C-alpha atoms as a PDB file:
ATOM      1  CA  MET A   1       7.305  37.727 -73.513  1.00  0.00           C
ATOM      2  CA  PRO A   2       8.480  34.730 -75.587  1.00  0.00           C
ATOM      3  CA  LYS A   3       5.774  32.839 -77.412  1.00  0.00           C
ATOM      4  CA  PRO A   4       5.122  29.202 -76.400  1.00  0.00           C
ATOM      5  CA  LEU A   5       6.960  26.614 -78.477  1.00  0.00           C
ATOM      6  CA  LEU A   6       4.367  24.327 -80.051  1.00  0.00           C
ATOM      7  CA  ILE A   7       4.748  20.814 -81.485  1.00  0.00           C
ATOM      8  CA  ALA A   8       2.305  20.011 -84.300  1.00  0.00           C
ATOM      9  CA  PRO A   9       2.557  16.373 -85.419  1.00  0.00           C
ATOM     10  CA  SER A  10       1.559  15.931 -89.056  1.00  0.00           C
ATOM     11  CA  ILE A  11      -0.891  13.084 -89.451  1.00  0.00           C
ATOM     12  CA  LEU A  12       0.290  12.583 -93.045  1.00  0.00           C
ATOM     13  CA  ALA A  13       3.096  10.454 -91.589  1.00  0.00           C
ATOM     14  CA  ALA A  14       0.821   8.416 -89.306  1.00  0.00           C
ATOM     15  CA  ASP A  15      -0.192   4.821 -89.948  1.00  0.00           C
ATOM     16  CA  PHE A  16      -3.749   5.252 -91.216  1.00  0.00           C
ATOM     17  CA  THR A  17      -4.656   1.720 -90.157  1.00  0.00           C
ATOM     18  CA  ARG A  18      -4.001   2.968 -86.607  1.00  0.00           C
ATOM     19  CA  LEU A  19      -4.880   6.640 -86.974  1.00  0.00           C
ATOM     20  CA  GLY A  20      -6.996   6.971 -83.831  1.00  0.00           C
ATOM     21  CA  GLU A  21      -4.322   5.223 -81.783  1.00  0.00           C
ATOM     22  CA  HIS A  22      -1.597   7.475 -83.198  1.00  0.00           C
ATOM     23  CA  LEU A  23      -3.560  10.658 -82.539  1.00  0.00           C
ATOM     24  CA  GLN A  24      -4.214   9.637 -78.958  1.00  0.00           C
ATOM     25  CA  ALA A  25      -0.533   8.788 -78.541  1.00  0.00           C
ATOM     26  CA  ALA A  26       0.410  12.251 -79.789  1.00  0.00           C
ATOM     27  CA  GLU A  27      -2.022  13.871 -77.368  1.00  0.00           C
ATOM     28  CA  HIS A  28      -0.706  11.855 -74.406  1.00  0.00           C
ATOM     29  CA  ALA A  29       2.880  12.660 -75.416  1.00  0.00           C
ATOM     30  CA  GLY A  30       2.201  16.389 -75.122  1.00  0.00           C
ATOM     31  CA  ALA A  31       1.520  17.474 -78.716  1.00  0.00           C
ATOM     32  CA  ASP A  32       0.010  20.952 -78.816  1.00  0.00           C
ATOM     33  CA  LEU A  33      -2.038  20.595 -81.993  1.00  0.00           C
ATOM     34  CA  LEU A  34      -2.497  18.203 -84.919  1.00  0.00           C
ATOM     35  CA  HIS A  35      -1.391  19.285 -88.394  1.00  0.00           C
ATOM     36  CA  ILE A  36      -3.560  17.976 -91.213  1.00  0.00           C
ATOM     37  CA  ASP A  37      -2.128  18.256 -94.740  1.00  0.00           C
ATOM     38  CA  VAL A  38      -4.862  18.334 -97.372  1.00  0.00           C
ATOM     39  CA  MET A  39      -3.537  17.825-100.926  1.00  0.00           C
ATOM     40  CA  ASP A  40      -5.527  17.831-104.151  1.00  0.00           C
ATOM     41  CA  GLY A  41      -3.111  16.510-106.787  1.00  0.00           C
ATOM     42  CA  GLN A  42      -3.397  19.837-108.588  1.00  0.00           C
ATOM     43  CA  PHE A  43      -1.745  22.500-106.456  1.00  0.00           C
ATOM     44  CA  VAL A  44       0.743  19.859-105.302  1.00  0.00           C
ATOM     45  CA  PRO A  45       1.690  16.581-107.052  1.00  0.00           C
ATOM     46  CA  ASN A  46       0.034  14.327-104.510  1.00  0.00           C
ATOM     47  CA  ILE A  47      -3.423  13.513-103.160  1.00  0.00           C
ATOM     48  CA  SER A  48      -3.962  12.984 -99.446  1.00  0.00           C
ATOM     49  CA  PHE A  49      -7.448  13.280 -97.927  1.00  0.00           C
ATOM     50  CA  GLY A  50     -10.334  15.649 -97.395  1.00  0.00           C
ATOM     51  CA  ALA A  51     -12.794  16.921 -94.841  1.00  0.00           C
ATOM     52  CA  ILE A  52     -13.948  13.434 -93.850  1.00  0.00           C
ATOM     53  CA  VAL A  53     -10.542  12.767 -92.251  1.00  0.00           C
ATOM     54  CA  VAL A  54     -10.679  16.096 -90.413  1.00  0.00           C
ATOM     55  CA  GLU A  55     -14.066  15.036 -89.055  1.00  0.00           C
ATOM     56  CA  ALA A  56     -12.643  11.682 -87.946  1.00  0.00           C
ATOM     57  CA  CYS A  57      -9.734  13.418 -86.185  1.00  0.00           C
ATOM     58  CA  ARG A  58     -12.161  15.697 -84.377  1.00  0.00           C
ATOM     59  CA  ARG A  59     -14.091  12.703 -83.062  1.00  0.00           C
ATOM     60  CA  VAL A  60     -10.913  11.099 -81.719  1.00  0.00           C
ATOM     61  CA  SER A  61      -8.889  14.022 -80.362  1.00  0.00           C
ATOM     62  CA  PRO A  62      -9.626  17.206 -78.397  1.00  0.00           C
ATOM     63  CA  LEU A  63      -6.432  18.852 -79.693  1.00  0.00           C
ATOM     64  CA  PRO A  64      -6.739  21.876 -81.998  1.00  0.00           C
ATOM     65  CA  LEU A  65      -6.869  20.781 -85.635  1.00  0.00           C
ATOM     66  CA  ASP A  66      -4.453  22.789 -87.781  1.00  0.00           C
ATOM     67  CA  VAL A  67      -5.720  22.225 -91.329  1.00  0.00           C
ATOM     68  CA  HIS A  68      -3.158  23.060 -94.032  1.00  0.00           C
ATOM     69  CA  LEU A  69      -4.890  23.347 -97.405  1.00  0.00           C
ATOM     70  CA  MET A  70      -2.471  22.563-100.217  1.00  0.00           C
ATOM     71  CA  ILE A  71      -5.276  22.817-102.754  1.00  0.00           C
ATOM     72  CA  ALA A  72      -6.094  25.076-105.693  1.00  0.00           C
ATOM     73  CA  GLN A  73      -8.725  27.735-105.019  1.00  0.00           C
ATOM     74  CA  PRO A  74      -9.117  26.809-101.339  1.00  0.00           C
ATOM     75  CA  GLU A  75     -11.947  29.308-100.907  1.00  0.00           C
ATOM     76  CA  ARG A  76     -14.240  26.711-102.530  1.00  0.00           C
ATOM     77  CA  PHE A  77     -13.942  24.372 -99.546  1.00  0.00           C
ATOM     78  CA  LEU A  78     -13.380  26.541 -96.473  1.00  0.00           C
ATOM     79  CA  SER A  79     -16.868  26.116 -95.033  1.00  0.00           C
ATOM     80  CA  GLU A  80     -16.645  22.352 -95.536  1.00  0.00           C
ATOM     81  CA  PHE A  81     -13.471  22.104 -93.451  1.00  0.00           C
ATOM     82  CA  ALA A  82     -14.891  24.454 -90.835  1.00  0.00           C
ATOM     83  CA  LYS A  83     -17.953  22.209 -90.455  1.00  0.00           C
ATOM     84  CA  ALA A  84     -15.686  19.155 -90.211  1.00  0.00           C
ATOM     85  CA  GLY A  85     -14.068  20.572 -87.074  1.00  0.00           C
ATOM     86  CA  ALA A  86     -11.007  22.550 -88.125  1.00  0.00           C
ATOM     87  CA  SER A  87      -9.692  24.906 -85.444  1.00  0.00           C
ATOM     88  CA  GLN A  88      -7.567  26.894 -87.851  1.00  0.00           C
ATOM     89  CA  ILE A  89      -7.094  26.839 -91.613  1.00  0.00           C
ATOM     90  CA  THR A  90      -3.945  27.767 -93.487  1.00  0.00           C
ATOM     91  CA  VAL A  91      -4.155  28.639 -97.169  1.00  0.00           C
ATOM     92  CA  HIS A  92      -1.321  29.072 -99.657  1.00  0.00           C
ATOM     93  CA  PHE A  93      -0.553  32.431-101.190  1.00  0.00           C
ATOM     94  CA  GLU A  94       0.244  30.638-104.461  1.00  0.00           C
ATOM     95  CA  ALA A  95      -3.033  28.669-104.595  1.00  0.00           C
ATOM     96  CA  THR A  96      -5.498  31.439-105.413  1.00  0.00           C
ATOM     97  CA  ALA A  97      -5.681  34.755-107.208  1.00  0.00           C
ATOM     98  CA  HIS A  98      -7.888  36.012-104.384  1.00  0.00           C
ATOM     99  CA  ILE A  99      -5.760  35.463-101.295  1.00  0.00           C
ATOM    100  CA  HIS A 100      -7.169  38.448 -99.362  1.00  0.00           C
ATOM    101  CA  ARG A 101     -10.679  37.106 -99.879  1.00  0.00           C
ATOM    102  CA  ALA A 102      -9.684  33.576 -98.842  1.00  0.00           C
ATOM    103  CA  VAL A 103      -8.017  34.797 -95.638  1.00  0.00           C
ATOM    104  CA  HIS A 104     -11.025  36.843 -94.652  1.00  0.00           C
ATOM    105  CA  LEU A 105     -13.460  34.047 -95.455  1.00  0.00           C
ATOM    106  CA  VAL A 106     -11.665  31.878 -92.888  1.00  0.00           C
ATOM    107  CA  LYS A 107     -11.978  34.676 -90.331  1.00  0.00           C
ATOM    108  CA  GLU A 108     -15.681  35.061 -91.119  1.00  0.00           C
ATOM    109  CA  LEU A 109     -16.128  31.356 -90.355  1.00  0.00           C
ATOM    110  CA  GLY A 110     -14.840  32.061 -86.848  1.00  0.00           C
ATOM    111  CA  LEU A 111     -11.562  30.191 -87.239  1.00  0.00           C
ATOM    112  CA  LYS A 112      -7.959  31.186 -86.853  1.00  0.00           C
ATOM    113  CA  VAL A 113      -6.310  31.777 -90.215  1.00  0.00           C
ATOM    114  CA  GLY A 114      -2.832  31.101 -91.513  1.00  0.00           C
ATOM    115  CA  LEU A 115      -1.021  32.019 -94.715  1.00  0.00           C
ATOM    116  CA  ALA A 116       1.614  29.678 -96.168  1.00  0.00           C
ATOM    117  CA  LEU A 117       4.481  30.495 -98.514  1.00  0.00           C
ATOM    118  CA  ASN A 118       6.446  28.036-100.643  1.00  0.00           C
ATOM    119  CA  PRO A 119      10.271  28.161-100.586  1.00  0.00           C
ATOM    120  CA  GLY A 120      10.508  29.974-103.925  1.00  0.00           C
ATOM    121  CA  THR A 121       7.919  32.665-103.206  1.00  0.00           C
ATOM    122  CA  PRO A 122       9.266  36.103-102.213  1.00  0.00           C
ATOM    123  CA  LEU A 123       8.525  36.963 -98.595  1.00  0.00           C
ATOM    124  CA  GLU A 124       7.152  40.359 -99.605  1.00  0.00           C
ATOM    125  CA  ALA A 125       3.978  38.563-100.684  1.00  0.00           C
ATOM    126  CA  LEU A 126       3.097  38.264 -96.997  1.00  0.00           C
ATOM    127  CA  LYS A 127       3.324  41.898 -96.050  1.00  0.00           C
ATOM    128  CA  PRO A 128      -0.148  43.198 -97.009  1.00  0.00           C
ATOM    129  CA  LEU A 129      -1.845  40.469 -94.964  1.00  0.00           C
ATOM    130  CA  LEU A 130       0.426  40.191 -91.923  1.00  0.00           C
ATOM    131  CA  PRO A 131      -1.859  42.239 -89.619  1.00  0.00           C
ATOM    132  CA  ASP A 132      -4.803  39.929 -90.408  1.00  0.00           C
ATOM    133  CA  LEU A 133      -3.134  36.589 -89.687  1.00  0.00           C
ATOM    134  CA  ASP A 134      -3.054  34.286 -86.681  1.00  0.00           C
ATOM    135  CA  LEU A 135      -0.262  32.213 -88.216  1.00  0.00           C
ATOM    136  CA  VAL A 136       2.395  32.482 -90.903  1.00  0.00           C
ATOM    137  CA  LEU A 137       3.638  29.179 -92.315  1.00  0.00           C
ATOM    138  CA  ILE A 138       7.046  29.198 -93.980  1.00  0.00           C
ATOM    139  CA  MET A 139       7.497  25.988 -95.936  1.00  0.00           C
ATOM    140  CA  SER A 140      10.947  24.509 -95.406  1.00  0.00           C
ATOM    141  CA  VAL A 141      10.431  21.939 -98.178  1.00  0.00           C
ATOM    142  CA  ASN A 142       8.555  22.049-101.443  1.00  0.00           C
ATOM    143  CA  PRO A 143       5.024  20.956-100.558  1.00  0.00           C
ATOM    144  CA  GLY A 144       3.486  17.717-101.710  1.00  0.00           C
ATOM    145  CA  PHE A 145       5.375  14.884-100.040  1.00  0.00           C
ATOM    146  CA  GLY A 146       6.481  13.955 -96.518  1.00  0.00           C
ATOM    147  CA  GLY A 147       9.975  12.967 -95.484  1.00  0.00           C
ATOM    148  CA  GLN A 148      11.882  15.706 -97.342  1.00  0.00           C
ATOM    149  CA  LYS A 149      15.032  17.398 -96.012  1.00  0.00           C
ATOM    150  CA  PHE A 150      14.923  20.878 -94.507  1.00  0.00           C
ATOM    151  CA  ILE A 151      15.988  23.667 -96.915  1.00  0.00           C
ATOM    152  CA  PRO A 152      18.718  25.659 -95.061  1.00  0.00           C
ATOM    153  CA  SER A 153      17.802  29.037 -96.573  1.00  0.00           C
ATOM    154  CA  THR A 154      14.558  28.798 -94.609  1.00  0.00           C
ATOM    155  CA  LEU A 155      16.420  30.040 -91.535  1.00  0.00           C
ATOM    156  CA  GLU A 156      17.001  33.503 -92.980  1.00  0.00           C
ATOM    157  CA  ARG A 157      13.402  33.632 -94.199  1.00  0.00           C
ATOM    158  CA  LEU A 158      12.187  32.871 -90.695  1.00  0.00           C
ATOM    159  CA  LYS A 159      14.352  35.608 -89.181  1.00  0.00           C
ATOM    160  CA  THR A 160      12.954  38.162 -91.612  1.00  0.00           C
ATOM    161  CA  VAL A 161       9.332  37.204 -91.014  1.00  0.00           C
ATOM    162  CA  ARG A 162       9.783  37.135 -87.240  1.00  0.00           C
ATOM    163  CA  ASN A 163      11.091  40.696 -87.357  1.00  0.00           C
ATOM    164  CA  TRP A 164       8.124  41.789 -89.445  1.00  0.00           C
ATOM    165  CA  LEU A 165       5.671  40.123 -87.087  1.00  0.00           C
ATOM    166  CA  GLU A 166       7.228  41.780 -84.063  1.00  0.00           C
ATOM    167  CA  GLU A 167       6.479  45.117 -85.695  1.00  0.00           C
ATOM    168  CA  VAL A 168       2.903  44.578 -86.911  1.00  0.00           C
ATOM    169  CA  ASN A 169       1.423  41.412 -85.360  1.00  0.00           C
ATOM    170  CA  PRO A 170       3.459  40.021 -82.453  1.00  0.00           C
ATOM    171  CA  THR A 171       0.713  37.631 -81.317  1.00  0.00           C
ATOM    172  CA  ALA A 172       0.801  35.607 -84.560  1.00  0.00           C
ATOM    173  CA  ASP A 173       2.497  32.222 -84.611  1.00  0.00           C
ATOM    174  CA  LEU A 174       5.397  31.586 -86.979  1.00  0.00           C
ATOM    175  CA  GLN A 175       5.147  27.998 -88.150  1.00  0.00           C
ATOM    176  CA  VAL A 176       7.644  25.953 -90.138  1.00  0.00           C
ATOM    177  CA  ASP A 177       6.810  22.767 -92.014  1.00  0.00           C
ATOM    178  CA  GLY A 178       9.202  20.280 -93.586  1.00  0.00           C
ATOM    179  CA  GLY A 179      12.232  18.330 -92.436  1.00  0.00           C
ATOM    180  CA  ILE A 180      11.911  19.210 -88.745  1.00  0.00           C
ATOM    181  CA  VAL A 181      13.879  16.767 -86.586  1.00  0.00           C
ATOM    182  CA  ALA A 182      15.446  16.794 -83.132  1.00  0.00           C
ATOM    183  CA  SER A 183      18.840  17.773 -84.560  1.00  0.00           C
ATOM    184  CA  ASN A 184      17.630  21.004 -86.199  1.00  0.00           C
ATOM    185  CA  ILE A 185      14.559  22.133 -84.252  1.00  0.00           C
ATOM    186  CA  ALA A 186      16.542  24.312 -81.828  1.00  0.00           C
ATOM    187  CA  GLU A 187      18.248  26.174 -84.672  1.00  0.00           C
ATOM    188  CA  VAL A 188      14.866  26.703 -86.317  1.00  0.00           C
ATOM    189  CA  ALA A 189      13.493  28.075 -83.050  1.00  0.00           C
ATOM    190  CA  ARG A 190      16.433  30.464 -82.716  1.00  0.00           C
ATOM    191  CA  ALA A 191      15.583  31.763 -86.200  1.00  0.00           C
ATOM    192  CA  GLY A 192      12.194  32.810 -84.894  1.00  0.00           C
ATOM    193  CA  ALA A 193       9.763  29.934 -85.380  1.00  0.00           C
ATOM    194  CA  ASN A 194       7.581  28.932 -82.441  1.00  0.00           C
ATOM    195  CA  ASN A 195       5.304  26.374 -84.108  1.00  0.00           C
ATOM    196  CA  PHE A 196       6.893  23.214 -85.526  1.00  0.00           C
ATOM    197  CA  VAL A 197       5.217  20.738 -87.849  1.00  0.00           C
ATOM    198  CA  ALA A 198       6.823  17.318 -87.477  1.00  0.00           C
ATOM    199  CA  GLY A 199       5.714  14.306 -89.489  1.00  0.00           C
ATOM    200  CA  SER A 200       8.113  11.417 -89.927  1.00  0.00           C
ATOM    201  CA  SER A 201      10.129  12.518 -86.890  1.00  0.00           C
ATOM    202  CA  VAL A 202       7.031  11.822 -84.746  1.00  0.00           C
ATOM    203  CA  PHE A 203       5.280   8.975 -86.536  1.00  0.00           C
ATOM    204  CA  ASN A 204       7.795   6.292 -87.514  1.00  0.00           C
ATOM    205  CA  THR A 205       8.739   2.694 -86.779  1.00  0.00           C
ATOM    206  CA  LYS A 206      12.081   3.550 -85.159  1.00  0.00           C
ATOM    207  CA  ASP A 207      10.641   4.669 -81.825  1.00  0.00           C
ATOM    208  CA  THR A 208       7.398   5.448 -80.041  1.00  0.00           C
ATOM    209  CA  VAL A 209       5.401   8.623 -80.557  1.00  0.00           C
ATOM    210  CA  GLN A 210       6.033   9.459 -76.902  1.00  0.00           C
ATOM    211  CA  ASN A 211       9.797   9.146 -77.200  1.00  0.00           C
ATOM    212  CA  ASN A 212       9.902  11.048 -80.481  1.00  0.00           C
ATOM    213  CA  ILE A 213       7.942  14.006 -79.099  1.00  0.00           C
ATOM    214  CA  ASN A 214      10.044  13.905 -75.938  1.00  0.00           C
ATOM    215  CA  ALA A 215      13.177  14.195 -78.096  1.00  0.00           C
ATOM    216  CA  LEU A 216      11.805  17.239 -79.957  1.00  0.00           C
ATOM    217  CA  LYS A 217      10.792  18.945 -76.714  1.00  0.00           C
ATOM    218  CA  ALA A 218      14.153  18.181 -75.098  1.00  0.00           C
ATOM    219  CA  ALA A 219      15.976  19.676 -78.075  1.00  0.00           C
ATOM    220  CA  LEU A 220      13.854  22.829 -77.804  1.00  0.00           C
ATOM    221  CA  GLN A 221      14.807  23.353 -74.174  1.00  0.00           C
ATOM    222  CA  VAL A 222      18.242  24.641 -75.187  1.00  0.00           C
ATOM    223  CA  THR A 223      16.543  27.705 -76.699  1.00  0.00           C
ATOM    224  CA  THR A 224      14.719  28.731 -73.512  1.00  0.00           C
END
């Protein structure tokens, strides 16, 4: 049975002077979860926000909070983000020397756990942990900044990981993050992704959140 196709707006692209309004707009437009990019200026060359913003999102929205930790040694802060209201936490393979421990700490906190891979990291790094994951995140840009263009080689990476998941963990979501727009989301879905992080293609000044999410969902219909 095909997995549901999920839209995960990234709040990094939202207008933070209107964050509550934007999150409610995403919910009303049919977003499936909210993607929260946490950056520390060390693992990635940018600083975004911390657990206090996750807590604020939880107060405003009932949607699942998909917390993506782009931080060095994420195991130091997992309990803090769990307490703030995260529904699931994704950690980067490249961010810690103790990735198995980090993944299992998230599970011990009672949350869903994801593992993210940067574009230059060999896919084989995923294999030992695939049976333990609720989500695999394949980065389709180099992490650290919003608004980047999708890296085309991501498509083959997605196909490979989808095949692996079908063998060992078919219930896990395959998420893609970076450069997702209405013109490429169907192709990305055909490559095997079912969970799509969308930042500037949802939150922008060109159109409403409702219309932008509608456009992504309409584009996905050609794959079903």
